[in-house]
């Protein structure tokens, strides 16, 4: 298994996955709805918003929309952003990227960070709006400057790929680090990748492992695969096939086919006892997360 070749392969796949799968749903958890209640108490009665929180938690999207649409029509930015998310994902309404972009823009123009980030994603992908990376960067930056971790990570991707801005690994590292410091797993992974490859920072395998491990410990499958590579090659950690197998196995259990391939390859170099030890470690890790 050639470490650099396979490391490059995983870095490319991780980067593409991140750009195509923005973390918009995190903005609409129970905690986010609770935040809307607190932010909106001076503007509207908390009752409908609390009801919307409960309805979203049980998957009753029709009730969520019934409660939030009047607020959105009145110009309430968080409700507008939530309505945009509903249209983008077909939650309680027919899926419409055009309508999603419309509502995101209304909220984004009022400074809603989730809407700004999600509108940036739509411009990145050309969904509901013409694809325009420069416009995407504009919206990502507005949210990132307010400390929004998803937008910071997306902006890091744009700098790493040279999309909408001149390519700059140093700027990519800056934005990945800001998001990683907030605990965003994919940013921790990408910061680790930058250290592993020496992009925007001096190459440092120990630092790479530090950041990748933080993401892997959150259950982030691509990071678990990279950590497996580090243990296989002895990069930043002592070479350890048992640990490598463990992390490949954990990643593969989440459907990562690349990690499954690596696990199968390394298994041919291990004894039955070593494989059993690796499987035990993986089971113990999973048990701690339950």
C-alpha atoms as a PDB file:
ATOM      1  CA  UNK A   1       0.000   0.000   0.000  1.00  0.00           C
ATOM      2  CA  UNK A   2       1.728   3.170  -1.143  1.00  0.00           C
ATOM      3  CA  UNK A   3       1.002   5.718   1.562  1.00  0.00           C
ATOM      4  CA  UNK A   4       1.339   8.901  -0.494  1.00  0.00           C
ATOM      5  CA  UNK A   5      -0.717   7.643  -3.425  1.00  0.00           C
ATOM      6  CA  UNK A   6      -3.558   6.431  -1.271  1.00  0.00           C
ATOM      7  CA  UNK A   7      -3.381   9.485   0.963  1.00  0.00           C
ATOM      8  CA  UNK A   8      -3.784  11.710  -2.086  1.00  0.00           C
ATOM      9  CA  UNK A   9      -6.731   9.618  -3.240  1.00  0.00           C
ATOM     10  CA  UNK A  10      -8.519   9.957   0.083  1.00  0.00           C
ATOM     11  CA  UNK A  11      -7.807  13.706   0.271  1.00  0.00           C
ATOM     12  CA  UNK A  12      -9.396  14.218  -3.133  1.00  0.00           C
ATOM     13  CA  UNK A  13     -12.458  12.171  -2.270  1.00  0.00           C
ATOM     14  CA  UNK A  14     -12.898  13.930   1.081  1.00  0.00           C
ATOM     15  CA  UNK A  15     -12.655  17.353  -0.506  1.00  0.00           C
ATOM     16  CA  UNK A  16     -15.224  16.582  -3.183  1.00  0.00           C
ATOM     17  CA  UNK A  17     -17.618  15.100  -0.648  1.00  0.00           C
ATOM     18  CA  UNK A  18     -17.391  18.173   1.540  1.00  0.00           C
ATOM     19  CA  UNK A  19     -18.225  20.590  -1.256  1.00  0.00           C
ATOM     20  CA  UNK A  20     -21.172  18.525  -2.465  1.00  0.00           C
ATOM     21  CA  UNK A  21     -22.608  17.865   0.991  1.00  0.00           C
ATOM     22  CA  UNK A  22     -22.890  21.144   2.883  1.00  0.00           C
ATOM     23  CA  UNK A  23     -23.848  20.872   6.535  1.00  0.00           C
ATOM     24  CA  UNK A  24     -27.139  22.733   6.370  1.00  0.00           C
ATOM     25  CA  UNK A  25     -29.139  20.371   8.563  1.00  0.00           C
ATOM     26  CA  UNK A  26     -27.079  21.192  11.606  1.00  0.00           C
ATOM     27  CA  UNK A  27     -28.665  24.616  11.631  1.00  0.00           C
ATOM     28  CA  UNK A  28     -32.118  23.177  12.228  1.00  0.00           C
ATOM     29  CA  UNK A  29     -31.806  20.902  15.193  1.00  0.00           C
ATOM     30  CA  UNK A  30     -33.902  21.272  18.330  1.00  0.00           C
ATOM     31  CA  UNK A  31     -31.197  23.542  19.737  1.00  0.00           C
ATOM     32  CA  UNK A  32     -31.421  25.838  16.721  1.00  0.00           C
ATOM     33  CA  UNK A  33     -35.178  26.140  17.040  1.00  0.00           C
ATOM     34  CA  UNK A  34     -34.713  26.946  20.734  1.00  0.00           C
ATOM     35  CA  UNK A  35     -32.334  29.694  19.688  1.00  0.00           C
ATOM     36  CA  UNK A  36     -34.998  31.104  17.385  1.00  0.00           C
ATOM     37  CA  UNK A  37     -37.362  31.270  20.330  1.00  0.00           C
ATOM     38  CA  UNK A  38     -34.863  33.261  22.366  1.00  0.00           C
ATOM     39  CA  UNK A  39     -33.933  35.585  19.532  1.00  0.00           C
ATOM     40  CA  UNK A  40     -37.527  36.233  18.568  1.00  0.00           C
ATOM     41  CA  UNK A  41     -39.165  36.741  21.939  1.00  0.00           C
ATOM     42  CA  UNK A  42     -39.270  40.492  21.470  1.00  0.00           C
ATOM     43  CA  UNK A  43     -40.838  40.177  18.022  1.00  0.00           C
ATOM     44  CA  UNK A  44     -43.331  37.334  18.164  1.00  0.00           C
ATOM     45  CA  UNK A  45     -45.006  35.071  20.675  1.00  0.00           C
ATOM     46  CA  UNK A  46     -42.780  32.188  21.647  1.00  0.00           C
ATOM     47  CA  UNK A  47     -45.652  29.723  21.525  1.00  0.00           C
ATOM     48  CA  UNK A  48     -45.687  29.041  17.759  1.00  0.00           C
ATOM     49  CA  UNK A  49     -41.912  28.709  17.703  1.00  0.00           C
ATOM     50  CA  UNK A  50     -41.900  26.264  20.589  1.00  0.00           C
ATOM     51  CA  UNK A  51     -44.599  24.289  18.804  1.00  0.00           C
ATOM     52  CA  UNK A  52     -42.481  24.324  15.648  1.00  0.00           C
ATOM     53  CA  UNK A  53     -39.533  22.968  17.629  1.00  0.00           C
ATOM     54  CA  UNK A  54     -41.603  20.044  18.883  1.00  0.00           C
ATOM     55  CA  UNK A  55     -43.082  19.407  15.430  1.00  0.00           C
ATOM     56  CA  UNK A  56     -39.653  19.324  13.781  1.00  0.00           C
ATOM     57  CA  UNK A  57     -38.349  16.905  16.403  1.00  0.00           C
ATOM     58  CA  UNK A  58     -41.106  14.424  15.520  1.00  0.00           C
ATOM     59  CA  UNK A  59     -40.751  14.958  11.766  1.00  0.00           C
ATOM     60  CA  UNK A  60     -44.056  16.801  11.347  1.00  0.00           C
ATOM     61  CA  UNK A  61     -42.816  19.165   8.662  1.00  0.00           C
ATOM     62  CA  UNK A  62     -46.284  20.270   7.563  1.00  0.00           C
ATOM     63  CA  UNK A  63     -46.937  21.689  11.030  1.00  0.00           C
ATOM     64  CA  UNK A  64     -43.515  23.328  11.103  1.00  0.00           C
ATOM     65  CA  UNK A  65     -44.289  25.136   7.867  1.00  0.00           C
ATOM     66  CA  UNK A  66     -47.793  26.100   8.956  1.00  0.00           C
ATOM     67  CA  UNK A  67     -46.317  27.763  12.014  1.00  0.00           C
ATOM     68  CA  UNK A  68     -43.271  29.368  10.424  1.00  0.00           C
ATOM     69  CA  UNK A  69     -44.579  30.552   7.038  1.00  0.00           C
ATOM     70  CA  UNK A  70     -46.539  33.476   8.532  1.00  0.00           C
ATOM     71  CA  UNK A  71     -43.382  34.581  10.319  1.00  0.00           C
ATOM     72  CA  UNK A  72     -41.369  34.253   7.120  1.00  0.00           C
ATOM     73  CA  UNK A  73     -43.945  36.326   5.248  1.00  0.00           C
ATOM     74  CA  UNK A  74     -43.573  38.992   7.930  1.00  0.00           C
ATOM     75  CA  UNK A  75     -39.824  39.166   7.293  1.00  0.00           C
ATOM     76  CA  UNK A  76     -38.611  37.003  10.202  1.00  0.00           C
ATOM     77  CA  UNK A  77     -35.129  35.951   9.026  1.00  0.00           C
ATOM     78  CA  UNK A  78     -34.726  32.622  10.898  1.00  0.00           C
ATOM     79  CA  UNK A  79     -38.160  31.508   9.680  1.00  0.00           C
ATOM     80  CA  UNK A  80     -37.232  32.516   6.127  1.00  0.00           C
ATOM     81  CA  UNK A  81     -34.016  30.521   6.359  1.00  0.00           C
ATOM     82  CA  UNK A  82     -35.932  27.495   7.657  1.00  0.00           C
ATOM     83  CA  UNK A  83     -38.433  27.792   4.823  1.00  0.00           C
ATOM     84  CA  UNK A  84     -35.564  27.858   2.348  1.00  0.00           C
ATOM     85  CA  UNK A  85     -34.200  24.694   3.909  1.00  0.00           C
ATOM     86  CA  UNK A  86     -37.621  23.052   3.627  1.00  0.00           C
ATOM     87  CA  UNK A  87     -37.788  23.792  -0.103  1.00  0.00           C
ATOM     88  CA  UNK A  88     -34.188  22.674  -0.650  1.00  0.00           C
ATOM     89  CA  UNK A  89     -34.883  19.310   0.974  1.00  0.00           C
ATOM     90  CA  UNK A  90     -38.571  18.773   0.161  1.00  0.00           C
ATOM     91  CA  UNK A  91     -39.648  18.813   3.800  1.00  0.00           C
ATOM     92  CA  UNK A  92     -43.400  19.402   3.812  1.00  0.00           C
ATOM     93  CA  UNK A  93     -43.317  21.096   0.408  1.00  0.00           C
ATOM     94  CA  UNK A  94     -42.379  19.983  -3.114  1.00  0.00           C
ATOM     95  CA  UNK A  95     -38.628  20.245  -3.523  1.00  0.00           C
ATOM     96  CA  UNK A  96     -37.704  23.485  -5.307  1.00  0.00           C
ATOM     97  CA  UNK A  97     -34.182  24.853  -5.433  1.00  0.00           C
ATOM     98  CA  UNK A  98     -35.512  28.084  -6.936  1.00  0.00           C
ATOM     99  CA  UNK A  99     -37.819  28.659  -3.959  1.00  0.00           C
ATOM    100  CA  UNK A 100     -35.038  27.648  -1.581  1.00  0.00           C
ATOM    101  CA  UNK A 101     -32.709  30.277  -3.046  1.00  0.00           C
ATOM    102  CA  UNK A 102     -35.478  32.897  -2.843  1.00  0.00           C
ATOM    103  CA  UNK A 103     -36.045  32.374   0.886  1.00  0.00           C
ATOM    104  CA  UNK A 104     -32.364  31.960   1.696  1.00  0.00           C
ATOM    105  CA  UNK A 105     -31.643  35.289   0.017  1.00  0.00           C
ATOM    106  CA  UNK A 106     -34.332  37.100   1.994  1.00  0.00           C
ATOM    107  CA  UNK A 107     -32.849  35.796   5.232  1.00  0.00           C
ATOM    108  CA  UNK A 108     -29.241  36.244   4.110  1.00  0.00           C
ATOM    109  CA  UNK A 109     -29.863  39.893   3.277  1.00  0.00           C
ATOM    110  CA  UNK A 110     -30.837  40.337   6.926  1.00  0.00           C
ATOM    111  CA  UNK A 111     -27.588  38.780   8.108  1.00  0.00           C
ATOM    112  CA  UNK A 112     -28.793  35.247   8.935  1.00  0.00           C
ATOM    113  CA  UNK A 113     -25.583  33.200   8.901  1.00  0.00           C
ATOM    114  CA  UNK A 114     -27.172  29.852   8.068  1.00  0.00           C
ATOM    115  CA  UNK A 115     -28.958  31.376   5.099  1.00  0.00           C
ATOM    116  CA  UNK A 116     -25.775  33.088   3.937  1.00  0.00           C
ATOM    117  CA  UNK A 117     -23.880  29.818   4.062  1.00  0.00           C
ATOM    118  CA  UNK A 118     -26.635  27.864   2.326  1.00  0.00           C
ATOM    119  CA  UNK A 119     -27.009  30.476  -0.386  1.00  0.00           C
ATOM    120  CA  UNK A 120     -23.270  30.168  -0.935  1.00  0.00           C
ATOM    121  CA  UNK A 121     -23.689  26.416  -1.324  1.00  0.00           C
ATOM    122  CA  UNK A 122     -26.385  26.970  -3.956  1.00  0.00           C
ATOM    123  CA  UNK A 123     -24.085  29.249  -5.935  1.00  0.00           C
ATOM    124  CA  UNK A 124     -21.260  26.705  -5.602  1.00  0.00           C
ATOM    125  CA  UNK A 125     -23.437  23.930  -6.996  1.00  0.00           C
ATOM    126  CA  UNK A 126     -25.579  25.996  -9.386  1.00  0.00           C
ATOM    127  CA  UNK A 127     -28.830  24.937  -7.717  1.00  0.00           C
ATOM    128  CA  UNK A 128     -31.695  27.427  -7.946  1.00  0.00           C
ATOM    129  CA  UNK A 129     -29.227  30.041  -9.187  1.00  0.00           C
ATOM    130  CA  UNK A 130     -26.614  30.106 -11.956  1.00  0.00           C
ATOM    131  CA  UNK A 131     -23.363  28.574 -10.771  1.00  0.00           C
ATOM    132  CA  UNK A 132     -21.103  31.401  -9.671  1.00  0.00           C
ATOM    133  CA  UNK A 133     -18.128  30.694  -7.433  1.00  0.00           C
ATOM    134  CA  UNK A 134     -17.370  34.365  -6.885  1.00  0.00           C
ATOM    135  CA  UNK A 135     -20.881  34.911  -5.562  1.00  0.00           C
ATOM    136  CA  UNK A 136     -20.562  31.771  -3.455  1.00  0.00           C
ATOM    137  CA  UNK A 137     -17.400  33.123  -1.844  1.00  0.00           C
ATOM    138  CA  UNK A 138     -19.163  36.411  -1.120  1.00  0.00           C
ATOM    139  CA  UNK A 139     -21.887  34.689   0.893  1.00  0.00           C
ATOM    140  CA  UNK A 140     -19.544  32.234   2.588  1.00  0.00           C
ATOM    141  CA  UNK A 141     -17.342  35.104   3.713  1.00  0.00           C
ATOM    142  CA  UNK A 142     -20.243  37.062   5.189  1.00  0.00           C
ATOM    143  CA  UNK A 143     -21.181  34.076   7.350  1.00  0.00           C
ATOM    144  CA  UNK A 144     -17.592  33.025   8.059  1.00  0.00           C
ATOM    145  CA  UNK A 145     -16.725  36.495   9.338  1.00  0.00           C
ATOM    146  CA  UNK A 146     -19.520  36.037  11.870  1.00  0.00           C
ATOM    147  CA  UNK A 147     -17.914  32.820  13.099  1.00  0.00           C
ATOM    148  CA  UNK A 148     -20.149  30.322  11.284  1.00  0.00           C
ATOM    149  CA  UNK A 149     -18.145  27.076  11.208  1.00  0.00           C
ATOM    150  CA  UNK A 150     -19.817  25.572   8.129  1.00  0.00           C
ATOM    151  CA  UNK A 151     -19.137  28.724   6.130  1.00  0.00           C
ATOM    152  CA  UNK A 152     -15.552  28.874   7.366  1.00  0.00           C
ATOM    153  CA  UNK A 153     -15.009  25.309   6.199  1.00  0.00           C
ATOM    154  CA  UNK A 154     -16.660  25.978   2.833  1.00  0.00           C
ATOM    155  CA  UNK A 155     -14.516  29.081   2.388  1.00  0.00           C
ATOM    156  CA  UNK A 156     -11.463  26.972   3.144  1.00  0.00           C
ATOM    157  CA  UNK A 157     -12.502  24.619   0.350  1.00  0.00           C
ATOM    158  CA  UNK A 158     -12.849  27.507  -2.081  1.00  0.00           C
ATOM    159  CA  UNK A 159      -9.337  28.742  -1.304  1.00  0.00           C
ATOM    160  CA  UNK A 160      -7.861  25.243  -1.503  1.00  0.00           C
ATOM    161  CA  UNK A 161      -9.499  24.623  -4.877  1.00  0.00           C
ATOM    162  CA  UNK A 162      -9.038  28.139  -6.282  1.00  0.00           C
ATOM    163  CA  UNK A 163     -12.776  28.558  -6.911  1.00  0.00           C
ATOM    164  CA  UNK A 164     -14.008  32.159  -6.848  1.00  0.00           C
ATOM    165  CA  UNK A 165     -10.707  33.273  -5.296  1.00  0.00           C
ATOM    166  CA  UNK A 166      -7.044  32.819  -6.192  1.00  0.00           C
ATOM    167  CA  UNK A 167      -5.842  29.469  -4.876  1.00  0.00           C
ATOM    168  CA  UNK A 168      -4.160  29.905  -1.512  1.00  0.00           C
ATOM    169  CA  UNK A 169      -3.327  27.010   0.765  1.00  0.00           C
ATOM    170  CA  UNK A 170      -2.395  29.450   3.529  1.00  0.00           C
ATOM    171  CA  UNK A 171      -5.889  30.996   3.418  1.00  0.00           C
ATOM    172  CA  UNK A 172      -7.441  27.549   3.265  1.00  0.00           C
ATOM    173  CA  UNK A 173      -5.561  26.551   6.408  1.00  0.00           C
ATOM    174  CA  UNK A 174      -6.676  29.748   8.144  1.00  0.00           C
ATOM    175  CA  UNK A 175     -10.363  29.046   7.549  1.00  0.00           C
ATOM    176  CA  UNK A 176     -10.128  25.306   8.200  1.00  0.00           C
ATOM    177  CA  UNK A 177      -8.441  26.044  11.523  1.00  0.00           C
ATOM    178  CA  UNK A 178     -11.161  28.469  12.594  1.00  0.00           C
ATOM    179  CA  UNK A 179     -13.811  25.844  11.877  1.00  0.00           C
ATOM    180  CA  UNK A 180     -11.734  23.019  13.347  1.00  0.00           C
ATOM    181  CA  UNK A 181     -11.312  24.950  16.589  1.00  0.00           C
ATOM    182  CA  UNK A 182     -15.113  24.949  16.836  1.00  0.00           C
ATOM    183  CA  UNK A 183     -15.114  21.159  16.589  1.00  0.00           C
ATOM    184  CA  UNK A 184     -16.207  20.759  12.979  1.00  0.00           C
ATOM    185  CA  UNK A 185     -15.041  17.254  12.078  1.00  0.00           C
ATOM    186  CA  UNK A 186     -14.571  17.704   8.339  1.00  0.00           C
ATOM    187  CA  UNK A 187     -12.469  20.827   8.948  1.00  0.00           C
ATOM    188  CA  UNK A 188     -10.342  18.971  11.471  1.00  0.00           C
ATOM    189  CA  UNK A 189      -9.835  16.282   8.852  1.00  0.00           C
ATOM    190  CA  UNK A 190      -8.901  18.778   6.147  1.00  0.00           C
ATOM    191  CA  UNK A 191      -6.513  20.623   8.472  1.00  0.00           C
ATOM    192  CA  UNK A 192      -4.881  17.264   9.106  1.00  0.00           C
ATOM    193  CA  UNK A 193      -4.643  16.674   5.361  1.00  0.00           C
ATOM    194  CA  UNK A 194      -2.948  20.054   4.920  1.00  0.00           C
ATOM    195  CA  UNK A 195      -0.360  19.184   7.572  1.00  0.00           C
ATOM    196  CA  UNK A 196       0.153  15.736   6.066  1.00  0.00           C
ATOM    197  CA  UNK A 197       0.825  17.179   2.615  1.00  0.00           C
ATOM    198  CA  UNK A 198       2.578  20.372   3.726  1.00  0.00           C
ATOM    199  CA  UNK A 199       0.021  22.632   2.050  1.00  0.00           C
ATOM    200  CA  UNK A 200      -0.085  26.123   3.565  1.00  0.00           C
ATOM    201  CA  UNK A 201       1.824  24.878   6.623  1.00  0.00           C
ATOM    202  CA  UNK A 202       5.122  23.055   7.120  1.00  0.00           C
ATOM    203  CA  UNK A 203       4.652  19.320   6.675  1.00  0.00           C
ATOM    204  CA  UNK A 204       4.121  17.785  10.090  1.00  0.00           C
ATOM    205  CA  UNK A 205       2.776  14.251  10.364  1.00  0.00           C
ATOM    206  CA  UNK A 206       2.358  14.422  14.134  1.00  0.00           C
ATOM    207  CA  UNK A 207       0.205  17.542  13.811  1.00  0.00           C
ATOM    208  CA  UNK A 208      -1.704  15.881  10.979  1.00  0.00           C
ATOM    209  CA  UNK A 209      -2.512  12.915  13.191  1.00  0.00           C
ATOM    210  CA  UNK A 210      -3.596  15.230  16.022  1.00  0.00           C
ATOM    211  CA  UNK A 211      -6.265  16.909  13.884  1.00  0.00           C
ATOM    212  CA  UNK A 212      -7.358  13.807  12.011  1.00  0.00           C
ATOM    213  CA  UNK A 213      -7.770  11.947  15.293  1.00  0.00           C
ATOM    214  CA  UNK A 214     -10.073  14.668  16.645  1.00  0.00           C
ATOM    215  CA  UNK A 215     -12.344  14.115  13.645  1.00  0.00           C
ATOM    216  CA  UNK A 216     -12.024  10.334  13.758  1.00  0.00           C
ATOM    217  CA  UNK A 217     -13.001  10.313  17.424  1.00  0.00           C
ATOM    218  CA  UNK A 218     -16.240  12.058  16.419  1.00  0.00           C
ATOM    219  CA  UNK A 219     -17.025   9.134  14.114  1.00  0.00           C
ATOM    220  CA  UNK A 220     -16.050  10.937  10.911  1.00  0.00           C
ATOM    221  CA  UNK A 221     -15.502   8.092   8.442  1.00  0.00           C
ATOM    222  CA  UNK A 222     -13.039   9.790   6.039  1.00  0.00           C
ATOM    223  CA  UNK A 223     -10.862  10.859   8.967  1.00  0.00           C
ATOM    224  CA  UNK A 224     -10.908   7.325  10.351  1.00  0.00           C
ATOM    225  CA  UNK A 225      -9.610   6.097   7.018  1.00  0.00           C
ATOM    226  CA  UNK A 226      -6.806   8.658   6.985  1.00  0.00           C
ATOM    227  CA  UNK A 227      -5.861   7.710  10.537  1.00  0.00           C
ATOM    228  CA  UNK A 228      -5.706   4.108   9.394  1.00  0.00           C
ATOM    229  CA  UNK A 229      -3.242   5.130   6.680  1.00  0.00           C
ATOM    230  CA  UNK A 230      -1.116   6.969   9.250  1.00  0.00           C
ATOM    231  CA  UNK A 231      -0.871   3.847  11.417  1.00  0.00           C
ATOM    232  CA  UNK A 232      -0.187   1.663   8.397  1.00  0.00           C
ATOM    233  CA  UNK A 233       2.674   3.852   7.187  1.00  0.00           C
ATOM    234  CA  UNK A 234       3.970   4.969  10.582  1.00  0.00           C
ATOM    235  CA  UNK A 235       3.357   8.636   9.782  1.00  0.00           C
ATOM    236  CA  UNK A 236       3.115  10.724  12.943  1.00  0.00           C
ATOM    237  CA  UNK A 237       2.562   7.547  14.992  1.00  0.00           C
ATOM    238  CA  UNK A 238       4.470   4.298  15.383  1.00  0.00           C
ATOM    239  CA  UNK A 239       3.566   1.835  12.653  1.00  0.00           C
ATOM    240  CA  UNK A 240       0.822  -0.406  13.997  1.00  0.00           C
ATOM    241  CA  UNK A 241      -1.162  -2.730  11.724  1.00  0.00           C
ATOM    242  CA  UNK A 242      -3.629  -3.553  14.490  1.00  0.00           C
ATOM    243  CA  UNK A 243      -4.562   0.117  14.952  1.00  0.00           C
ATOM    244  CA  UNK A 244      -4.590   0.636  11.205  1.00  0.00           C
ATOM    245  CA  UNK A 245      -7.022  -2.257  10.771  1.00  0.00           C
ATOM    246  CA  UNK A 246      -9.180  -0.906  13.599  1.00  0.00           C
ATOM    247  CA  UNK A 247      -9.594   2.514  11.994  1.00  0.00           C
ATOM    248  CA  UNK A 248     -10.084   1.115   8.493  1.00  0.00           C
ATOM    249  CA  UNK A 249     -12.725  -1.213   9.912  1.00  0.00           C
ATOM    250  CA  UNK A 250     -14.566   1.615  11.680  1.00  0.00           C
ATOM    251  CA  UNK A 251     -14.589   3.680   8.509  1.00  0.00           C
ATOM    252  CA  UNK A 252     -15.657   0.724   6.376  1.00  0.00           C
ATOM    253  CA  UNK A 253     -18.527   0.026   8.787  1.00  0.00           C
ATOM    254  CA  UNK A 254     -19.955   3.403   7.736  1.00  0.00           C
ATOM    255  CA  UNK A 255     -19.835   2.446   4.082  1.00  0.00           C
ATOM    256  CA  UNK A 256     -16.421   3.789   3.112  1.00  0.00           C
ATOM    257  CA  UNK A 257     -15.386   1.471   0.286  1.00  0.00           C
ATOM    258  CA  UNK A 258     -11.837   2.844   0.119  1.00  0.00           C
ATOM    259  CA  UNK A 259     -11.286   2.033   3.783  1.00  0.00           C
ATOM    260  CA  UNK A 260     -12.753  -1.435   3.258  1.00  0.00           C
ATOM    261  CA  UNK A 261     -10.250  -2.001   0.452  1.00  0.00           C
ATOM    262  CA  UNK A 262      -7.363  -0.916   2.678  1.00  0.00           C
ATOM    263  CA  UNK A 263      -8.603  -3.119   5.530  1.00  0.00           C
ATOM    264  CA  UNK A 264      -8.767  -6.132   3.236  1.00  0.00           C
ATOM    265  CA  UNK A 265      -5.261  -5.490   1.957  1.00  0.00           C
ATOM    266  CA  UNK A 266      -3.720  -5.077   5.382  1.00  0.00           C
ATOM    267  CA  UNK A 267      -5.500  -8.185   6.660  1.00  0.00           C
ATOM    268  CA  UNK A 268      -3.332 -10.277   4.340  1.00  0.00           C
ATOM    269  CA  UNK A 269      -0.249  -9.107   6.260  1.00  0.00           C
ATOM    270  CA  UNK A 270      -1.683  -9.806   9.707  1.00  0.00           C
ATOM    271  CA  UNK A 271      -2.047 -12.915  11.825  1.00  0.00           C
ATOM    272  CA  UNK A 272      -5.449 -14.141  12.951  1.00  0.00           C
ATOM    273  CA  UNK A 273      -4.650 -12.990  16.476  1.00  0.00           C
ATOM    274  CA  UNK A 274      -3.789  -9.481  15.271  1.00  0.00           C
ATOM    275  CA  UNK A 275      -7.032  -9.246  13.306  1.00  0.00           C
ATOM    276  CA  UNK A 276      -8.978 -10.394  16.353  1.00  0.00           C
ATOM    277  CA  UNK A 277      -7.267  -7.719  18.466  1.00  0.00           C
ATOM    278  CA  UNK A 278      -8.108  -5.058  15.886  1.00  0.00           C
ATOM    279  CA  UNK A 279     -11.742  -6.128  15.752  1.00  0.00           C
ATOM    280  CA  UNK A 280     -11.918  -6.049  19.539  1.00  0.00           C
ATOM    281  CA  UNK A 281     -10.531  -2.500  19.599  1.00  0.00           C
ATOM    282  CA  UNK A 282     -13.081  -1.400  17.000  1.00  0.00           C
ATOM    283  CA  UNK A 283     -15.937  -2.959  18.980  1.00  0.00           C
ATOM    284  CA  UNK A 284     -14.753  -1.301  22.187  1.00  0.00           C
ATOM    285  CA  UNK A 285     -14.539   2.077  20.433  1.00  0.00           C
ATOM    286  CA  UNK A 286     -18.084   1.703  19.098  1.00  0.00           C
ATOM    287  CA  UNK A 287     -19.381   0.647  22.514  1.00  0.00           C
ATOM    288  CA  UNK A 288     -18.022   3.823  24.113  1.00  0.00           C
ATOM    289  CA  UNK A 289     -19.993   5.931  21.627  1.00  0.00           C
ATOM    290  CA  UNK A 290     -23.341   4.274  22.314  1.00  0.00           C
END
